[in-house]
Amino acid sequence: MALVIAVYARESLRGVALPLVASIGEDTGVTDVLSIIKRFKEFVSTETLEKLDKSFNEALRNEIYEVLNADRLEQDFPMLVEKFWARIALPLIELSNVIYVLNVEALKKFREVEEELAKVLAKLLKNSDYSYADNLIYALSTLVDRDLWVLDKIYELGFNTLIKKIIDRAFDVVLQFSGYTMYLTFAWVSSTAAVLDIAKEYKEKNRDALAIWCREYAKEVNSYLDTLDLLLDDEVYEDLVKLGIIRR
């Protein structure tokens, strides 16, 4: 189970948003896209990015297409989430392995690139005039915050210490947190792909349902982030134990 936690702790927006942006057509008029992809190549090999792009395009033809066209969206969604993550997990882990060994200066630059990527996506969503664009921008902001939170905790505590604290103090919490993160990411990628015309065939009611779910999932992710912050803080954790609110 520790391996499961470690894997899900490493899954992040960066691995999903990058191929999504790379798939945006030139007619969007956003010249920053190619520049951002070029800057990502300063940190990650072309081979790794190609693997991720291949996995994403396969997901676009399969799980993303299926969820956007499903007749039984609510029933099919959990299974499609699992299939989506099974498809992209390995290239994401490979990407994460590169990112988490960057030195402090390189990590700072990488974070800047990631934030620029988020701004480009937010701009595209805002300019789409989609009625639920704010939901998708809110979800994007949550995913970015989560991503940076994971990085901050790893560099604050060290990866092994972080995993040990999670197992000892927040095992159930992090599993729920990971689940909502997986749901949020898939819902966001799928609905955003439709809004940005990357997915060419979809049911509008499915796109809209996914966008609505994004806000709800994002609220859950934010709530679990707050809980994890409390449980990982040594002083707060000891106070909660003394008060009998949690048991060791």
C-alpha atoms as a PDB file:
ATOM      1  CA  MET A   1       0.000   0.000   0.000  1.00  0.00           C
ATOM      2  CA  ALA A   2       2.926   2.346   0.602  1.00  0.00           C
ATOM      3  CA  LEU A   3       3.780   1.962  -3.072  1.00  0.00           C
ATOM      4  CA  VAL A   4       0.229   2.952  -4.001  1.00  0.00           C
ATOM      5  CA  ILE A   5       0.495   6.099  -1.883  1.00  0.00           C
ATOM      6  CA  ALA A   6       3.890   6.929  -3.335  1.00  0.00           C
ATOM      7  CA  VAL A   7       2.601   6.565  -6.881  1.00  0.00           C
ATOM      8  CA  TYR A   8      -0.513   8.675  -6.315  1.00  0.00           C
ATOM      9  CA  ALA A   9       1.480  11.314  -4.446  1.00  0.00           C
ATOM     10  CA  ARG A  10       3.548  11.763  -7.597  1.00  0.00           C
ATOM     11  CA  GLU A  11       0.645  12.098 -10.025  1.00  0.00           C
ATOM     12  CA  SER A  12       0.202  15.752 -10.916  1.00  0.00           C
ATOM     13  CA  LEU A  13      -1.195  18.306 -13.265  1.00  0.00           C
ATOM     14  CA  ARG A  14       2.093  18.746 -15.077  1.00  0.00           C
ATOM     15  CA  GLY A  15       1.918  15.279 -16.598  1.00  0.00           C
ATOM     16  CA  VAL A  16      -1.566  15.795 -17.980  1.00  0.00           C
ATOM     17  CA  ALA A  17      -1.708  19.452 -18.928  1.00  0.00           C
ATOM     18  CA  LEU A  18       1.430  19.377 -21.040  1.00  0.00           C
ATOM     19  CA  PRO A  19       0.161  17.004 -23.759  1.00  0.00           C
ATOM     20  CA  LEU A  20      -3.216  18.729 -23.565  1.00  0.00           C
ATOM     21  CA  VAL A  21      -1.562  22.042 -24.435  1.00  0.00           C
ATOM     22  CA  ALA A  22       0.571  20.363 -27.086  1.00  0.00           C
ATOM     23  CA  SER A  23      -2.625  19.179 -28.755  1.00  0.00           C
ATOM     24  CA  ILE A  24      -4.080  22.680 -29.069  1.00  0.00           C
ATOM     25  CA  GLY A  25      -4.284  23.794 -32.659  1.00  0.00           C
ATOM     26  CA  GLU A  26      -2.398  26.768 -34.051  1.00  0.00           C
ATOM     27  CA  ASP A  27      -5.666  28.557 -34.755  1.00  0.00           C
ATOM     28  CA  THR A  28      -6.059  29.339 -31.061  1.00  0.00           C
ATOM     29  CA  GLY A  29      -3.813  32.353 -31.550  1.00  0.00           C
ATOM     30  CA  VAL A  30      -1.919  31.632 -28.331  1.00  0.00           C
ATOM     31  CA  THR A  31       1.744  31.877 -29.317  1.00  0.00           C
ATOM     32  CA  ASP A  32       2.891  31.139 -25.755  1.00  0.00           C
ATOM     33  CA  VAL A  33       2.055  27.438 -26.166  1.00  0.00           C
ATOM     34  CA  LEU A  34       5.078  26.476 -28.261  1.00  0.00           C
ATOM     35  CA  SER A  35       7.332  28.601 -26.096  1.00  0.00           C
ATOM     36  CA  ILE A  36       6.180  26.802 -22.950  1.00  0.00           C
ATOM     37  CA  ILE A  37       6.659  23.371 -24.494  1.00  0.00           C
ATOM     38  CA  LYS A  38      10.160  24.400 -25.526  1.00  0.00           C
ATOM     39  CA  ARG A  39      10.935  25.462 -21.945  1.00  0.00           C
ATOM     40  CA  PHE A  40       9.661  22.119 -20.612  1.00  0.00           C
ATOM     41  CA  LYS A  41      12.258  20.424 -22.793  1.00  0.00           C
ATOM     42  CA  GLU A  42      14.934  22.104 -20.706  1.00  0.00           C
ATOM     43  CA  PHE A  43      13.940  19.817 -17.833  1.00  0.00           C
ATOM     44  CA  VAL A  44      12.488  16.710 -19.462  1.00  0.00           C
ATOM     45  CA  SER A  45      13.826  14.645 -22.349  1.00  0.00           C
ATOM     46  CA  THR A  46      12.049  14.623 -25.678  1.00  0.00           C
ATOM     47  CA  GLU A  47      11.636  10.860 -25.313  1.00  0.00           C
ATOM     48  CA  THR A  48       9.751  11.225 -22.022  1.00  0.00           C
ATOM     49  CA  LEU A  49       7.485  13.911 -23.468  1.00  0.00           C
ATOM     50  CA  GLU A  50       6.795  11.766 -26.525  1.00  0.00           C
ATOM     51  CA  LYS A  51       5.773   8.832 -24.313  1.00  0.00           C
ATOM     52  CA  LEU A  52       3.435  11.085 -22.368  1.00  0.00           C
ATOM     53  CA  ASP A  53       2.000  12.588 -25.534  1.00  0.00           C
ATOM     54  CA  LYS A  54       1.416   9.102 -26.975  1.00  0.00           C
ATOM     55  CA  SER A  55      -0.393   7.967 -23.813  1.00  0.00           C
ATOM     56  CA  PHE A  56      -2.528  11.092 -23.798  1.00  0.00           C
ATOM     57  CA  ASN A  57      -3.518  10.702 -27.437  1.00  0.00           C
ATOM     58  CA  GLU A  58      -4.448   7.088 -26.774  1.00  0.00           C
ATOM     59  CA  ALA A  59      -6.587   8.258 -23.852  1.00  0.00           C
ATOM     60  CA  LEU A  60      -8.131  10.904 -26.105  1.00  0.00           C
ATOM     61  CA  ARG A  61      -9.249   8.187 -28.532  1.00  0.00           C
ATOM     62  CA  ASN A  62     -10.444   5.884 -25.782  1.00  0.00           C
ATOM     63  CA  GLU A  63     -11.322   6.966 -22.219  1.00  0.00           C
ATOM     64  CA  ILE A  64     -11.823  10.671 -22.966  1.00  0.00           C
ATOM     65  CA  TYR A  65     -13.925   9.902 -26.043  1.00  0.00           C
ATOM     66  CA  GLU A  66     -15.956   7.362 -24.083  1.00  0.00           C
ATOM     67  CA  VAL A  67     -16.689   9.643 -21.141  1.00  0.00           C
ATOM     68  CA  LEU A  68     -17.699  12.521 -23.429  1.00  0.00           C
ATOM     69  CA  ASN A  69     -20.089  10.292 -25.356  1.00  0.00           C
ATOM     70  CA  ALA A  70     -21.307   7.872 -22.689  1.00  0.00           C
ATOM     71  CA  ASP A  71     -25.022   7.212 -22.439  1.00  0.00           C
ATOM     72  CA  ARG A  72     -24.635   6.271 -18.770  1.00  0.00           C
ATOM     73  CA  LEU A  73     -22.129   8.874 -17.669  1.00  0.00           C
ATOM     74  CA  GLU A  74     -22.502   8.509 -13.906  1.00  0.00           C
ATOM     75  CA  GLN A  75     -22.270   4.714 -14.027  1.00  0.00           C
ATOM     76  CA  ASP A  76     -19.354   4.571 -16.486  1.00  0.00           C
ATOM     77  CA  PHE A  77     -17.280   7.401 -15.017  1.00  0.00           C
ATOM     78  CA  PRO A  78     -15.489   5.509 -12.176  1.00  0.00           C
ATOM     79  CA  MET A  79     -14.384   2.689 -14.496  1.00  0.00           C
ATOM     80  CA  LEU A  80     -13.126   5.162 -17.117  1.00  0.00           C
ATOM     81  CA  VAL A  81     -11.166   7.042 -14.434  1.00  0.00           C
ATOM     82  CA  GLU A  82      -9.341   3.832 -13.552  1.00  0.00           C
ATOM     83  CA  LYS A  83      -8.622   3.011 -17.196  1.00  0.00           C
ATOM     84  CA  PHE A  84      -7.363   6.541 -17.847  1.00  0.00           C
ATOM     85  CA  TRP A  85      -4.904   6.464 -14.947  1.00  0.00           C
ATOM     86  CA  ALA A  86      -3.739   2.952 -15.798  1.00  0.00           C
ATOM     87  CA  ARG A  87      -2.891   4.230 -19.279  1.00  0.00           C
ATOM     88  CA  ILE A  88      -0.931   7.329 -18.237  1.00  0.00           C
ATOM     89  CA  ALA A  89       0.581   6.146 -14.923  1.00  0.00           C
ATOM     90  CA  LEU A  90       3.934   4.871 -16.211  1.00  0.00           C
ATOM     91  CA  PRO A  91       4.921   7.926 -18.289  1.00  0.00           C
ATOM     92  CA  LEU A  92       3.769  10.167 -15.421  1.00  0.00           C
ATOM     93  CA  ILE A  93       5.987   8.320 -12.961  1.00  0.00           C
ATOM     94  CA  GLU A  94       8.896   8.578 -15.383  1.00  0.00           C
ATOM     95  CA  LEU A  95       8.291  12.314 -15.675  1.00  0.00           C
ATOM     96  CA  SER A  96       8.004  12.714 -11.907  1.00  0.00           C
ATOM     97  CA  ASN A  97      11.250  10.855 -11.327  1.00  0.00           C
ATOM     98  CA  VAL A  98      12.992  13.546 -13.370  1.00  0.00           C
ATOM     99  CA  ILE A  99      11.286  16.472 -11.659  1.00  0.00           C
ATOM    100  CA  TYR A 100      11.794  15.380  -8.062  1.00  0.00           C
ATOM    101  CA  VAL A 101      15.586  15.192  -8.378  1.00  0.00           C
ATOM    102  CA  LEU A 102      15.979  18.747  -9.663  1.00  0.00           C
ATOM    103  CA  ASN A 103      18.109  21.049  -7.556  1.00  0.00           C
ATOM    104  CA  VAL A 104      16.502  24.023  -5.830  1.00  0.00           C
ATOM    105  CA  GLU A 105      17.282  26.521  -8.600  1.00  0.00           C
ATOM    106  CA  ALA A 106      16.075  24.210 -11.373  1.00  0.00           C
ATOM    107  CA  LEU A 107      12.925  23.416  -9.397  1.00  0.00           C
ATOM    108  CA  LYS A 108      12.187  27.123  -9.024  1.00  0.00           C
ATOM    109  CA  LYS A 109      12.443  27.571 -12.793  1.00  0.00           C
ATOM    110  CA  PHE A 110      10.280  24.515 -13.394  1.00  0.00           C
ATOM    111  CA  ARG A 111       7.591  25.876 -11.088  1.00  0.00           C
ATOM    112  CA  GLU A 112       7.627  29.136 -13.059  1.00  0.00           C
ATOM    113  CA  VAL A 113       7.093  27.226 -16.301  1.00  0.00           C
ATOM    114  CA  GLU A 114       4.271  25.236 -14.759  1.00  0.00           C
ATOM    115  CA  GLU A 115       2.555  28.392 -13.569  1.00  0.00           C
ATOM    116  CA  GLU A 116       2.901  29.891 -17.047  1.00  0.00           C
ATOM    117  CA  LEU A 117       1.313  26.764 -18.482  1.00  0.00           C
ATOM    118  CA  ALA A 118      -1.624  27.140 -16.102  1.00  0.00           C
ATOM    119  CA  LYS A 119      -2.043  30.797 -17.102  1.00  0.00           C
ATOM    120  CA  VAL A 120      -2.141  29.855 -20.797  1.00  0.00           C
ATOM    121  CA  LEU A 121      -4.804  27.233 -20.149  1.00  0.00           C
ATOM    122  CA  ALA A 122      -6.826  29.620 -17.982  1.00  0.00           C
ATOM    123  CA  LYS A 123      -6.654  32.257 -20.731  1.00  0.00           C
ATOM    124  CA  LEU A 124      -7.829  29.769 -23.340  1.00  0.00           C
ATOM    125  CA  LEU A 125     -10.728  28.678 -21.137  1.00  0.00           C
ATOM    126  CA  LYS A 126     -11.716  32.257 -20.324  1.00  0.00           C
ATOM    127  CA  ASN A 127     -11.639  33.264 -23.998  1.00  0.00           C
ATOM    128  CA  SER A 128     -13.781  30.277 -24.969  1.00  0.00           C
ATOM    129  CA  ASP A 129     -16.885  31.994 -23.508  1.00  0.00           C
ATOM    130  CA  TYR A 130     -17.929  28.563 -22.260  1.00  0.00           C
ATOM    131  CA  SER A 131     -20.684  28.903 -19.656  1.00  0.00           C
ATOM    132  CA  TYR A 132     -18.825  26.732 -17.134  1.00  0.00           C
ATOM    133  CA  ALA A 133     -15.353  28.089 -17.858  1.00  0.00           C
ATOM    134  CA  ASP A 134     -15.040  29.394 -14.289  1.00  0.00           C
ATOM    135  CA  ASN A 135     -15.540  25.858 -12.985  1.00  0.00           C
ATOM    136  CA  LEU A 136     -12.670  24.607 -15.118  1.00  0.00           C
ATOM    137  CA  ILE A 137     -10.408  27.509 -14.142  1.00  0.00           C
ATOM    138  CA  TYR A 138     -11.177  26.880 -10.465  1.00  0.00           C
ATOM    139  CA  ALA A 139     -10.369  23.189 -10.927  1.00  0.00           C
ATOM    140  CA  LEU A 140      -7.148  24.061 -12.752  1.00  0.00           C
ATOM    141  CA  SER A 141      -6.119  26.355  -9.900  1.00  0.00           C
ATOM    142  CA  THR A 142      -6.808  23.556  -7.410  1.00  0.00           C
ATOM    143  CA  LEU A 143      -4.703  21.080  -9.375  1.00  0.00           C
ATOM    144  CA  VAL A 144      -1.827  23.536  -9.588  1.00  0.00           C
ATOM    145  CA  ASP A 145      -2.046  24.268  -5.852  1.00  0.00           C
ATOM    146  CA  ARG A 146      -2.068  20.545  -5.139  1.00  0.00           C
ATOM    147  CA  ASP A 147       0.899  19.972  -7.386  1.00  0.00           C
ATOM    148  CA  LEU A 148       2.949  22.687  -5.719  1.00  0.00           C
ATOM    149  CA  TRP A 149       1.856  21.442  -2.280  1.00  0.00           C
ATOM    150  CA  VAL A 150       3.250  17.983  -3.026  1.00  0.00           C
ATOM    151  CA  LEU A 151       6.541  19.482  -4.216  1.00  0.00           C
ATOM    152  CA  ASP A 152       6.787  21.741  -1.167  1.00  0.00           C
ATOM    153  CA  LYS A 153       6.179  18.857   1.226  1.00  0.00           C
ATOM    154  CA  ILE A 154       8.750  16.650  -0.459  1.00  0.00           C
ATOM    155  CA  TYR A 155      11.392  19.365  -0.272  1.00  0.00           C
ATOM    156  CA  GLU A 156      10.391  20.323   3.272  1.00  0.00           C
ATOM    157  CA  LEU A 157      10.314  16.800   4.724  1.00  0.00           C
ATOM    158  CA  GLY A 158      12.039  14.589   2.181  1.00  0.00           C
ATOM    159  CA  PHE A 159      10.153  11.962   0.201  1.00  0.00           C
ATOM    160  CA  ASN A 160      10.731   9.069   2.639  1.00  0.00           C
ATOM    161  CA  THR A 161       9.754  11.129   5.686  1.00  0.00           C
ATOM    162  CA  LEU A 162       6.651  12.399   3.932  1.00  0.00           C
ATOM    163  CA  ILE A 163       5.541   8.873   3.044  1.00  0.00           C
ATOM    164  CA  LYS A 164       6.202   7.637   6.605  1.00  0.00           C
ATOM    165  CA  LYS A 165       4.152  10.473   8.124  1.00  0.00           C
ATOM    166  CA  ILE A 166       1.324   9.825   5.686  1.00  0.00           C
ATOM    167  CA  ILE A 167       1.242   6.106   6.502  1.00  0.00           C
ATOM    168  CA  ASP A 168       1.409   6.728  10.253  1.00  0.00           C
ATOM    169  CA  ARG A 169      -0.975   9.657  10.483  1.00  0.00           C
ATOM    170  CA  ALA A 170      -3.118  10.058   7.379  1.00  0.00           C
ATOM    171  CA  PHE A 171      -3.415   6.776   5.538  1.00  0.00           C
ATOM    172  CA  ASP A 172      -7.203   6.897   5.023  1.00  0.00           C
ATOM    173  CA  VAL A 173      -7.128  10.633   4.337  1.00  0.00           C
ATOM    174  CA  VAL A 174      -4.509  10.376   1.602  1.00  0.00           C
ATOM    175  CA  LEU A 175      -6.384   7.539  -0.101  1.00  0.00           C
ATOM    176  CA  GLN A 176      -9.531   9.676  -0.240  1.00  0.00           C
ATOM    177  CA  PHE A 177      -7.447  12.654  -1.346  1.00  0.00           C
ATOM    178  CA  SER A 178      -5.853  10.588  -4.122  1.00  0.00           C
ATOM    179  CA  GLY A 179      -9.233   9.306  -5.266  1.00  0.00           C
ATOM    180  CA  TYR A 180     -10.727  12.767  -5.591  1.00  0.00           C
ATOM    181  CA  THR A 181      -7.569  13.971  -7.335  1.00  0.00           C
ATOM    182  CA  MET A 182      -7.893  11.182  -9.901  1.00  0.00           C
ATOM    183  CA  TYR A 183     -11.571  11.984 -10.459  1.00  0.00           C
ATOM    184  CA  LEU A 184     -10.897  15.718 -10.704  1.00  0.00           C
ATOM    185  CA  THR A 185      -8.016  15.322 -13.147  1.00  0.00           C
ATOM    186  CA  PHE A 186      -9.946  13.058 -15.514  1.00  0.00           C
ATOM    187  CA  ALA A 187     -13.088  15.195 -15.396  1.00  0.00           C
ATOM    188  CA  TRP A 188     -11.044  18.350 -15.985  1.00  0.00           C
ATOM    189  CA  VAL A 189      -8.955  16.927 -18.837  1.00  0.00           C
ATOM    190  CA  SER A 190     -12.017  15.504 -20.579  1.00  0.00           C
ATOM    191  CA  SER A 191     -14.231  18.580 -20.324  1.00  0.00           C
ATOM    192  CA  THR A 192     -11.340  20.926 -21.163  1.00  0.00           C
ATOM    193  CA  ALA A 193     -10.466  18.835 -24.222  1.00  0.00           C
ATOM    194  CA  ALA A 194     -14.034  19.341 -25.422  1.00  0.00           C
ATOM    195  CA  VAL A 195     -14.098  23.080 -24.684  1.00  0.00           C
ATOM    196  CA  LEU A 196     -10.774  23.670 -26.461  1.00  0.00           C
ATOM    197  CA  ASP A 197     -11.873  21.587 -29.463  1.00  0.00           C
ATOM    198  CA  ILE A 198      -9.198  18.949 -28.910  1.00  0.00           C
ATOM    199  CA  ALA A 199     -11.917  16.323 -28.587  1.00  0.00           C
ATOM    200  CA  LYS A 200     -13.878  16.648 -31.828  1.00  0.00           C
ATOM    201  CA  GLU A 201     -16.896  14.527 -30.948  1.00  0.00           C
ATOM    202  CA  TYR A 202     -18.816  14.824 -27.690  1.00  0.00           C
ATOM    203  CA  LYS A 203     -22.223  15.247 -26.124  1.00  0.00           C
ATOM    204  CA  GLU A 204     -22.674  18.729 -24.751  1.00  0.00           C
ATOM    205  CA  LYS A 205     -24.568  17.409 -21.735  1.00  0.00           C
ATOM    206  CA  ASN A 206     -21.607  15.172 -20.852  1.00  0.00           C
ATOM    207  CA  ARG A 207     -19.118  18.022 -21.263  1.00  0.00           C
ATOM    208  CA  ASP A 208     -21.256  20.231 -19.015  1.00  0.00           C
ATOM    209  CA  ALA A 209     -21.803  17.521 -16.398  1.00  0.00           C
ATOM    210  CA  LEU A 210     -18.059  16.925 -16.155  1.00  0.00           C
ATOM    211  CA  ALA A 211     -17.398  20.660 -15.814  1.00  0.00           C
ATOM    212  CA  ILE A 212     -19.954  20.871 -13.001  1.00  0.00           C
ATOM    213  CA  TRP A 213     -18.389  17.864 -11.258  1.00  0.00           C
ATOM    214  CA  CYS A 214     -14.984  19.547 -11.515  1.00  0.00           C
ATOM    215  CA  ARG A 215     -15.984  22.226  -9.029  1.00  0.00           C
ATOM    216  CA  GLU A 216     -17.302  19.667  -6.555  1.00  0.00           C
ATOM    217  CA  TYR A 217     -14.225  17.467  -6.835  1.00  0.00           C
ATOM    218  CA  ALA A 218     -11.968  20.517  -6.515  1.00  0.00           C
ATOM    219  CA  LYS A 219     -13.697  21.509  -3.269  1.00  0.00           C
ATOM    220  CA  GLU A 220     -13.035  18.023  -1.890  1.00  0.00           C
ATOM    221  CA  VAL A 221      -9.374  18.139  -2.917  1.00  0.00           C
ATOM    222  CA  ASN A 222      -8.947  21.525  -1.216  1.00  0.00           C
ATOM    223  CA  SER A 223     -10.615  20.210   1.923  1.00  0.00           C
ATOM    224  CA  TYR A 224      -8.322  17.179   2.083  1.00  0.00           C
ATOM    225  CA  LEU A 225      -5.284  19.395   1.506  1.00  0.00           C
ATOM    226  CA  ASP A 226      -6.242  21.409   4.588  1.00  0.00           C
ATOM    227  CA  THR A 227      -6.651  18.200   6.593  1.00  0.00           C
ATOM    228  CA  LEU A 228      -3.294  16.831   5.447  1.00  0.00           C
ATOM    229  CA  ASP A 229      -1.583  20.096   6.378  1.00  0.00           C
ATOM    230  CA  LEU A 230      -2.876  19.682   9.932  1.00  0.00           C
ATOM    231  CA  LEU A 231      -1.925  16.012  10.219  1.00  0.00           C
ATOM    232  CA  LEU A 232       1.592  16.534   8.853  1.00  0.00           C
ATOM    233  CA  ASP A 233       2.338  19.413  11.222  1.00  0.00           C
ATOM    234  CA  ASP A 234       4.045  17.833  14.264  1.00  0.00           C
ATOM    235  CA  GLU A 235       2.817  20.382  16.807  1.00  0.00           C
ATOM    236  CA  VAL A 236      -0.783  20.341  15.593  1.00  0.00           C
ATOM    237  CA  TYR A 237      -0.774  16.559  15.351  1.00  0.00           C
ATOM    238  CA  GLU A 238       0.423  16.156  18.954  1.00  0.00           C
ATOM    239  CA  ASP A 239      -2.260  18.605  20.142  1.00  0.00           C
ATOM    240  CA  LEU A 240      -4.942  16.609  18.317  1.00  0.00           C
ATOM    241  CA  VAL A 241      -3.689  13.410  19.955  1.00  0.00           C
ATOM    242  CA  LYS A 242      -3.693  14.996  23.428  1.00  0.00           C
ATOM    243  CA  LEU A 243      -7.243  16.260  22.903  1.00  0.00           C
ATOM    244  CA  GLY A 244      -8.343  12.778  21.893  1.00  0.00           C
ATOM    245  CA  ILE A 245      -9.534  13.990  18.492  1.00  0.00           C
ATOM    246  CA  ILE A 246      -7.338  11.413  16.764  1.00  0.00           C
ATOM    247  CA  ARG A 247      -5.627   8.229  17.917  1.00  0.00           C
ATOM    248  CA  ARG A 248      -2.112   7.165  17.089  1.00  0.00           C
END
